Amino acid sequence: MGVITTADERRDSALEHIDDAIKDLADIVVGKVWGYDEYSRDYELKLFKLFSELAGIRHDFERDI
């Protein structure tokens, strides 16, 4: 096993933050948590787009690790 560098730690932290953001956005756009119905349709679509984009980023990120 190799040495874990500060860069490795920051990369892993970034990936964890992306995962957290995806989970939070999924709660909103998929789970439709309390308050979801207060958002405009345009904002809901924007959140769903961001959710999808982050999922793609995570996929690309993990593929390259």
C-alpha atoms as a PDB file:
ATOM      1  CA  MET A   1       0.000   0.000   0.000  1.00  0.00           C
ATOM      2  CA  GLY A   2       1.310   3.425  -0.941  1.00  0.00           C
ATOM      3  CA  VAL A   3       1.534   6.574   1.066  1.00  0.00           C
ATOM      4  CA  ILE A   4      -1.624   8.680   1.254  1.00  0.00           C
ATOM      5  CA  THR A   5      -0.693  12.225   0.320  1.00  0.00           C
ATOM      6  CA  THR A   6      -2.409  15.475   1.156  1.00  0.00           C
ATOM      7  CA  ALA A   7      -3.544  15.602  -2.468  1.00  0.00           C
ATOM      8  CA  ASP A   8      -5.139  12.161  -2.053  1.00  0.00           C
ATOM      9  CA  GLU A   9      -6.920  13.343   1.093  1.00  0.00           C
ATOM     10  CA  ARG A  10      -8.246  16.474  -0.656  1.00  0.00           C
ATOM     11  CA  ARG A  11      -9.389  14.431  -3.660  1.00  0.00           C
ATOM     12  CA  ASP A  12     -11.234  12.023  -1.374  1.00  0.00           C
ATOM     13  CA  SER A  13     -12.762  14.933   0.529  1.00  0.00           C
ATOM     14  CA  ALA A  14     -13.962  16.524  -2.723  1.00  0.00           C
ATOM     15  CA  LEU A  15     -15.568  13.244  -3.758  1.00  0.00           C
ATOM     16  CA  GLU A  16     -17.290  12.941  -0.378  1.00  0.00           C
ATOM     17  CA  HIS A  17     -18.662  16.478  -0.746  1.00  0.00           C
ATOM     18  CA  ILE A  18     -19.946  15.652  -4.218  1.00  0.00           C
ATOM     19  CA  ASP A  19     -21.637  12.544  -2.777  1.00  0.00           C
ATOM     20  CA  ASP A  20     -23.213  14.631  -0.010  1.00  0.00           C
ATOM     21  CA  ALA A  21     -24.491  17.196  -2.521  1.00  0.00           C
ATOM     22  CA  ILE A  22     -25.972  14.437  -4.685  1.00  0.00           C
ATOM     23  CA  LYS A  23     -27.720  12.885  -1.684  1.00  0.00           C
ATOM     24  CA  ASP A  24     -29.114  16.250  -0.580  1.00  0.00           C
ATOM     25  CA  LEU A  25     -30.338  17.133  -4.063  1.00  0.00           C
ATOM     26  CA  ALA A  26     -31.839  13.647  -4.445  1.00  0.00           C
ATOM     27  CA  ASP A  27     -33.809  14.238  -1.253  1.00  0.00           C
ATOM     28  CA  ILE A  28     -35.231  17.371  -2.844  1.00  0.00           C
ATOM     29  CA  VAL A  29     -35.847  16.339  -6.452  1.00  0.00           C
ATOM     30  CA  VAL A  30     -36.595  12.634  -5.964  1.00  0.00           C
ATOM     31  CA  GLY A  31     -37.790  12.420  -2.372  1.00  0.00           C
ATOM     32  CA  LYS A  32     -39.666  15.714  -2.596  1.00  0.00           C
ATOM     33  CA  VAL A  33     -38.970  16.562   1.037  1.00  0.00           C
ATOM     34  CA  TRP A  34     -41.002  19.067   3.002  1.00  0.00           C
ATOM     35  CA  GLY A  35     -40.802  22.480   1.349  1.00  0.00           C
ATOM     36  CA  TYR A  36     -40.163  21.117  -2.136  1.00  0.00           C
ATOM     37  CA  ASP A  37     -43.554  22.328  -3.306  1.00  0.00           C
ATOM     38  CA  GLU A  38     -42.562  25.893  -2.383  1.00  0.00           C
ATOM     39  CA  TYR A  39     -40.045  26.026  -5.256  1.00  0.00           C
ATOM     40  CA  SER A  40     -41.031  27.307  -8.668  1.00  0.00           C
ATOM     41  CA  ARG A  41     -41.119  24.827 -11.527  1.00  0.00           C
ATOM     42  CA  ASP A  42     -38.098  26.522 -13.116  1.00  0.00           C
ATOM     43  CA  TYR A  43     -36.106  26.184  -9.890  1.00  0.00           C
ATOM     44  CA  GLU A  44     -37.119  22.527  -9.521  1.00  0.00           C
ATOM     45  CA  LEU A  45     -35.831  21.871 -13.038  1.00  0.00           C
ATOM     46  CA  LYS A  46     -32.594  23.704 -12.251  1.00  0.00           C
ATOM     47  CA  LEU A  47     -32.063  21.565  -9.133  1.00  0.00           C
ATOM     48  CA  PHE A  48     -32.734  18.403 -11.120  1.00  0.00           C
ATOM     49  CA  LYS A  49     -30.254  19.515 -13.783  1.00  0.00           C
ATOM     50  CA  LEU A  50     -27.610  20.178 -11.122  1.00  0.00           C
ATOM     51  CA  PHE A  51     -28.331  16.794  -9.539  1.00  0.00           C
ATOM     52  CA  SER A  52     -27.804  15.104 -12.912  1.00  0.00           C
ATOM     53  CA  GLU A  53     -24.640  17.056 -13.641  1.00  0.00           C
ATOM     54  CA  LEU A  54     -23.150  16.194 -10.256  1.00  0.00           C
ATOM     55  CA  ALA A  55     -23.938  12.521 -10.812  1.00  0.00           C
ATOM     56  CA  GLY A  56     -22.032  12.743 -14.094  1.00  0.00           C
ATOM     57  CA  ILE A  57     -19.112  14.488 -12.405  1.00  0.00           C
ATOM     58  CA  ARG A  58     -18.991  11.795  -9.728  1.00  0.00           C
ATOM     59  CA  HIS A  59     -19.029   9.108 -12.408  1.00  0.00           C
ATOM     60  CA  ASP A  60     -16.143  10.752 -14.270  1.00  0.00           C
ATOM     61  CA  PHE A  61     -14.279  11.370 -11.030  1.00  0.00           C
ATOM     62  CA  GLU A  62     -14.533   7.780  -9.829  1.00  0.00           C
ATOM     63  CA  ARG A  63     -13.653   6.363 -13.224  1.00  0.00           C
ATOM     64  CA  ASP A  64     -10.339   8.220 -13.222  1.00  0.00           C
ATOM     65  CA  ILE A  65      -9.294   7.237  -9.688  1.00  0.00           C
END
